[in-house]
Amino acid sequence: MEPIKNRYEFVILFDVENGNPNGDPDAGNMPRTDPETGCGLVTDVCLKRKIRNYVQMVKEGDPRYGIYICENEPLNRLDRRALAESGFFPVEELLTHCQNGSRLSGHVSHKGVPGVEASTGSLGQGMPMAMGMAMTAKLNHETHRVYCIIGDGECDEGAIWESALIAHQYRLDNFIVTIDFNKIQSLAPVEETIALEPLDEKWRAFGWHVIRVDGHDHEALHRAYDEARAAMGGGKPVVVIADTVKGKGVSFMENSVLWHYRTARGEEYEAARNELEAGKP
């Protein structure tokens, strides 16, 4: 199958009316609106159906147009730092993060941010998107690998396990997933929310090549990814479970749910920085 070489732009105009998929079932099926602009919104399901139906009608079932990738994984501050260091935008712009008028919001939009290909936010979206990219690479007989990082709390999402099943079914050995297993999610410890252990056995039961390491040991991580790359060709997707400590290196932050959202300022910031500096090798 020859891959698509062109990019196609769609402009779709809607008259938003009551009823799904345009309406909001939590608001009497009234049209969805953006709370900031007051403009009507159209659901992703509706958009996908419109595009799919149009492509099927115009291309008359041509198999080359059967794959549609719409987005990628959400980015956090570390990802944005990597983008800045890679030259996508000035490093100094990082200082505007989460400020009014900044394009670097909490959940980054792909609009206006170089290097960001999609907007996301809900947990569990990144892995199925990455899995679709790995599958596309297989279909196109490409040899690159696709890497995806997810959180442990994110493993509560059904989309994660659906992706795990599909990746095994289609022998996506070019797909490497890393789980940051720090045992704490947004509001409580993982084991008190939805227990995941034995996490390695669960992934192994789903047919994955499983590697479990100390996520703070850089040499162990290097060995893990060497093993993951060597596993390509074995017919199994790879998961690296990195056991980590939330807030590692700062005594008053370690293993504390409080610091999932909170930002250190003033004396707390200075104390945290001093501890991290003191802990440098």
Protein backbone atom coordinates (compact mmCIF):
# COMPACT_ATOMS: atom_id res chain seq x y z
CA MET A 1 0.00 0.00 0.00
CA GLU A 2 1.44 3.37 -1.02
CA PRO A 3 1.28 5.98 1.80
CA ILE A 4 -0.49 9.30 1.34
CA LYS A 5 2.00 12.00 0.35
CA ASN A 6 -0.27 15.03 0.41
CA ARG A 7 -1.88 17.00 3.23
CA TYR A 8 -5.52 18.00 2.93
CA GLU A 9 -7.17 20.89 4.80
CA PHE A 10 -10.90 20.77 5.65
CA VAL A 11 -13.09 23.79 6.35
CA ILE A 12 -16.50 22.71 7.70
CA LEU A 13 -19.29 25.18 8.55
CA PHE A 14 -21.99 24.09 11.00
CA ASP A 15 -25.37 25.41 12.09
CA VAL A 16 -25.29 24.03 15.66
CA GLU A 17 -28.71 22.71 16.71
CA ASN A 18 -30.12 20.73 19.63
CA GLY A 19 -29.37 17.05 19.99
CA ASN A 20 -26.28 14.88 19.92
CA PRO A 21 -23.60 14.74 18.64
CA ASN A 22 -23.81 18.56 18.60
CA GLY A 23 -25.75 18.96 21.85
CA ASP A 24 -24.63 18.64 25.47
CA PRO A 25 -26.49 15.77 27.22
CA ASP A 26 -25.72 17.38 30.61
CA ALA A 27 -27.49 20.57 29.60
CA GLY A 28 -30.75 19.34 28.12
CA ASN A 29 -29.08 18.67 24.75
CA MET A 30 -28.65 22.39 24.22
CA PRO A 31 -25.79 23.34 21.88
CA ARG A 32 -22.31 23.18 23.40
CA THR A 33 -20.71 26.59 23.78
CA ASP A 34 -17.25 27.85 24.63
CA PRO A 35 -17.50 29.50 28.10
CA GLU A 36 -15.00 32.23 27.14
CA THR A 37 -16.25 33.24 23.68
CA GLY A 38 -19.86 32.08 23.77
CA CYS A 39 -19.37 30.50 20.35
CA GLY A 40 -20.96 27.15 19.56
CA LEU A 41 -18.86 23.99 19.69
CA VAL A 42 -19.04 20.81 17.64
CA THR A 43 -17.98 17.48 19.13
CA ASP A 44 -14.98 15.55 17.83
CA VAL A 45 -17.29 12.63 17.00
CA CYS A 46 -19.31 14.82 14.66
CA LEU A 47 -16.17 16.18 12.98
CA LYS A 48 -14.69 12.73 12.48
CA ARG A 49 -17.91 11.44 10.94
CA LYS A 50 -18.19 14.40 8.58
CA ILE A 51 -14.58 14.01 7.41
CA ARG A 52 -14.85 10.25 7.11
CA ASN A 53 -18.07 10.43 5.10
CA TYR A 54 -16.64 13.11 2.81
CA VAL A 55 -13.45 11.15 2.14
CA GLN A 56 -15.38 7.94 1.48
CA MET A 57 -17.71 9.74 -0.93
CA VAL A 58 -15.02 11.64 -2.87
CA LYS A 59 -12.35 8.92 -2.91
CA GLU A 60 -14.83 6.08 -3.53
CA GLY A 61 -13.31 3.70 -0.98
CA ASP A 62 -9.65 4.16 -1.98
CA PRO A 63 -7.78 2.21 0.79
CA ARG A 64 -5.01 4.82 0.96
CA TYR A 65 -7.47 7.20 2.62
CA GLY A 66 -8.56 4.78 5.36
CA ILE A 67 -6.20 6.10 8.07
CA TYR A 68 -6.82 9.39 9.84
CA ILE A 69 -4.49 10.59 12.62
CA CYS A 70 -5.82 13.65 14.43
CA GLU A 71 -3.63 14.41 17.44
CA ASN A 72 -0.71 13.62 19.73
CA GLU A 73 0.02 13.60 23.46
CA PRO A 74 -0.35 16.52 25.92
CA LEU A 75 2.82 18.36 26.85
CA ASN A 76 3.96 19.41 30.30
CA ARG A 77 6.62 21.88 31.37
CA LEU A 78 9.51 19.49 30.69
CA ASP A 79 8.26 18.83 27.16
CA ARG A 80 7.98 22.54 26.50
CA ARG A 81 11.51 23.03 27.79
CA ALA A 82 12.70 20.40 25.30
CA LEU A 83 10.86 22.21 22.50
CA ALA A 84 12.46 25.50 23.46
CA GLU A 85 15.95 23.99 23.69
CA SER A 86 15.39 22.45 20.25
CA GLY A 87 14.74 25.89 18.77
CA PHE A 88 10.96 25.76 18.27
CA PHE A 89 10.58 28.99 20.24
CA PRO A 90 12.83 31.19 22.47
CA VAL A 91 13.81 29.67 25.82
CA GLU A 92 12.94 33.00 27.47
CA GLU A 93 9.29 32.48 26.51
CA LEU A 94 9.08 29.69 29.09
CA LEU A 95 8.85 32.42 31.74
CA THR A 96 5.37 33.28 30.40
CA HIS A 97 4.01 29.78 31.16
CA CYS A 98 0.41 29.91 32.43
CA GLN A 99 0.32 33.71 32.37
CA ASN A 100 -2.57 35.64 30.84
CA GLY A 101 -2.06 36.05 27.12
CA SER A 102 0.67 33.40 26.89
CA ARG A 103 0.43 30.70 24.25
CA LEU A 104 2.05 28.31 26.77
CA SER A 105 -1.03 27.33 28.75
CA GLY A 106 -1.42 24.50 31.27
CA HIS A 107 -2.67 22.06 28.65
CA VAL A 108 -0.92 23.19 25.50
CA SER A 109 -2.94 23.90 22.39
CA HIS A 110 -1.39 23.02 19.05
CA LYS A 111 -2.57 26.38 17.73
CA GLY A 112 0.33 28.80 17.64
CA VAL A 113 2.83 26.61 19.52
CA PRO A 114 5.58 25.35 17.18
CA GLY A 115 6.39 21.67 17.61
CA VAL A 116 3.00 20.76 19.12
CA GLU A 117 0.94 18.76 16.64
CA ALA A 118 -2.26 18.28 18.65
CA SER A 119 -4.25 19.52 21.61
CA THR A 120 -5.18 17.05 24.33
CA GLY A 121 -5.94 17.11 28.03
CA SER A 122 -8.04 14.14 29.07
CA LEU A 123 -6.04 11.27 30.52
CA GLY A 124 -5.49 8.23 28.32
CA GLN A 125 -5.41 10.04 24.97
CA GLY A 126 -1.68 9.94 24.32
CA MET A 127 -1.15 6.19 24.21
CA PRO A 128 -3.86 5.35 21.63
CA MET A 129 -2.60 8.20 19.44
CA ALA A 130 0.96 6.92 19.66
CA MET A 131 -0.25 3.37 19.05
CA GLY A 132 -1.98 4.55 15.88
CA MET A 133 1.28 6.11 14.72
CA ALA A 134 3.13 2.85 15.39
CA MET A 135 0.49 0.94 13.44
CA THR A 136 0.74 3.42 10.57
CA ALA A 137 4.51 2.94 10.48
CA LYS A 138 4.00 -0.83 10.23
CA LEU A 139 1.46 -0.45 7.43
CA ASN A 140 3.86 1.80 5.53
CA HIS A 141 6.80 -0.59 6.07
CA GLU A 142 8.72 2.09 7.97
CA THR A 143 11.40 1.11 10.47
CA HIS A 144 11.27 3.88 13.09
CA ARG A 145 10.03 3.37 16.64
CA VAL A 146 7.29 5.28 18.48
CA TYR A 147 7.88 6.23 22.13
CA CYS A 148 5.09 7.17 24.55
CA ILE A 149 5.20 8.20 28.23
CA ILE A 150 2.13 7.72 30.44
CA GLY A 151 1.39 8.10 34.15
CA ASP A 152 0.35 5.45 36.62
CA GLY A 153 -2.96 7.18 37.40
CA GLU A 154 -3.53 7.28 33.66
CA CYS A 155 -3.66 3.48 33.73
CA ASP A 156 -7.14 3.83 35.28
CA GLU A 157 -8.38 4.76 31.80
CA GLY A 158 -9.93 2.11 29.59
CA ALA A 159 -8.29 3.63 26.50
CA ILE A 160 -4.90 2.55 27.88
CA TRP A 161 -5.88 -1.10 28.07
CA GLU A 162 -7.71 -1.04 24.73
CA SER A 163 -4.49 0.25 23.18
CA ALA A 164 -2.50 -2.44 24.98
CA LEU A 165 -4.76 -5.13 23.50
CA ILE A 166 -4.62 -3.70 19.98
CA ALA A 167 -0.83 -3.21 20.06
CA HIS A 168 -0.39 -6.87 20.97
CA GLN A 169 -2.95 -8.02 18.41
CA TYR A 170 -1.07 -6.27 15.59
CA ARG A 171 2.40 -7.17 16.87
CA LEU A 172 3.54 -3.56 17.18
CA ASP A 173 7.11 -4.27 18.31
CA ASN A 174 8.03 -0.74 17.14
CA PHE A 175 5.99 0.70 20.04
CA ILE A 176 7.73 1.49 23.36
CA VAL A 177 5.64 2.78 26.28
CA THR A 178 7.13 4.09 29.54
CA ILE A 179 5.05 4.30 32.72
CA ASP A 180 6.10 6.81 35.40
CA PHE A 181 5.07 4.68 38.37
CA ASN A 182 5.37 7.08 41.32
CA LYS A 183 2.37 5.54 43.13
CA ILE A 184 0.53 8.87 43.55
CA GLN A 185 -2.11 10.39 41.28
CA SER A 186 -3.97 13.68 41.38
CA LEU A 187 -5.92 13.34 44.64
CA ALA A 188 -4.74 10.16 46.41
CA PRO A 189 -2.28 7.27 46.33
CA VAL A 190 -2.76 4.97 43.34
CA GLU A 191 -3.48 1.91 45.48
CA GLU A 192 -6.34 3.73 47.25
CA THR A 193 -7.88 4.84 43.97
CA ILE A 194 -7.59 1.83 41.66
CA ALA A 195 -4.91 -0.66 42.69
CA LEU A 196 -2.48 -1.46 39.86
CA GLU A 197 -0.09 -3.95 41.39
CA PRO A 198 1.18 -6.35 40.22
CA LEU A 199 1.53 -3.92 37.30
CA ASP A 200 4.24 -5.85 35.47
CA GLU A 201 2.20 -9.05 35.53
CA LYS A 202 -0.84 -7.24 34.13
CA TRP A 203 1.11 -5.94 31.12
CA ARG A 204 2.76 -9.31 30.62
CA ALA A 205 -0.68 -10.93 30.59
CA PHE A 206 -1.64 -8.50 27.79
CA GLY A 207 1.21 -9.92 25.70
CA TRP A 208 3.80 -7.17 26.17
CA HIS A 209 7.56 -7.39 26.63
CA VAL A 210 7.90 -5.95 30.15
CA ILE A 211 10.96 -4.22 31.63
CA ARG A 212 10.81 -2.88 35.20
CA VAL A 213 13.54 -0.56 36.51
CA ASP A 214 14.42 2.10 39.07
CA GLY A 215 13.29 5.25 37.27
CA HIS A 216 15.90 7.36 39.07
CA ASP A 217 18.83 5.17 37.93
CA HIS A 218 20.00 6.59 34.60
CA GLU A 219 22.23 3.61 33.81
CA ALA A 220 19.35 1.22 34.47
CA LEU A 221 17.15 3.29 32.15
CA HIS A 222 19.80 3.20 29.41
CA ARG A 223 19.95 -0.59 29.71
CA ALA A 224 16.16 -0.79 29.65
CA TYR A 225 15.91 1.17 26.40
CA ASP A 226 18.75 -0.84 24.87
CA GLU A 227 16.72 -3.96 25.68
CA ALA A 228 13.56 -2.33 24.29
CA ARG A 229 15.26 -1.48 21.01
CA ALA A 230 16.74 -4.98 20.76
CA ALA A 231 13.24 -6.45 21.19
CA MET A 232 12.10 -4.92 17.87
CA GLY A 233 11.39 -7.80 15.53
CA GLY A 234 10.14 -10.05 18.32
CA GLY A 235 6.49 -9.31 17.63
CA LYS A 236 5.72 -7.78 21.05
CA PRO A 237 5.22 -4.12 22.04
CA VAL A 238 7.45 -3.03 24.93
CA VAL A 239 6.55 -1.37 28.23
CA VAL A 240 9.18 0.08 30.57
CA ILE A 241 7.78 0.43 34.10
CA ALA A 242 9.90 3.07 35.83
CA ASP A 243 9.47 2.98 39.60
CA THR A 244 9.87 6.57 40.80
CA VAL A 245 9.27 8.75 43.87
CA LYS A 246 7.02 11.77 43.47
CA GLY A 247 8.97 14.89 44.41
CA LYS A 248 12.27 13.00 44.49
CA GLY A 249 15.12 14.97 46.06
CA VAL A 250 13.04 17.45 48.05
CA SER A 251 12.26 16.14 51.53
CA PHE A 252 8.97 17.98 52.06
CA MET A 253 7.69 17.08 48.58
CA GLU A 254 8.53 13.38 48.40
CA ASN A 255 5.49 11.06 48.35
CA SER A 256 3.10 13.94 49.02
CA VAL A 257 -0.21 14.29 47.18
CA LEU A 258 -0.16 18.00 48.00
CA TRP A 259 2.52 18.71 45.40
CA HIS A 260 0.69 17.17 42.45
CA TYR A 261 -0.74 20.61 41.62
CA ARG A 262 0.98 23.01 44.01
CA THR A 263 3.91 25.22 42.93
CA ALA A 264 6.72 26.10 45.34
CA ARG A 265 7.17 29.83 45.89
CA GLY A 266 9.23 32.05 48.15
CA GLU A 267 10.90 30.21 51.04
CA GLU A 268 9.58 26.85 49.85
CA TYR A 269 11.13 27.43 46.44
CA GLU A 270 14.49 28.37 47.93
CA ALA A 271 14.44 25.37 50.29
CA ALA A 272 13.60 22.99 47.44
CA ARG A 273 16.30 24.44 45.23
CA ASN A 274 18.91 24.19 48.00
CA GLU A 275 18.08 20.51 48.60
CA LEU A 276 18.32 19.72 44.90
CA GLU A 277 21.63 21.55 44.59
CA ALA A 278 22.98 19.71 47.64
CA GLY A 279 21.95 16.38 46.15
CA LYS A 280 23.86 16.82 42.91
CA PRO A 281 26.53 14.14 42.33
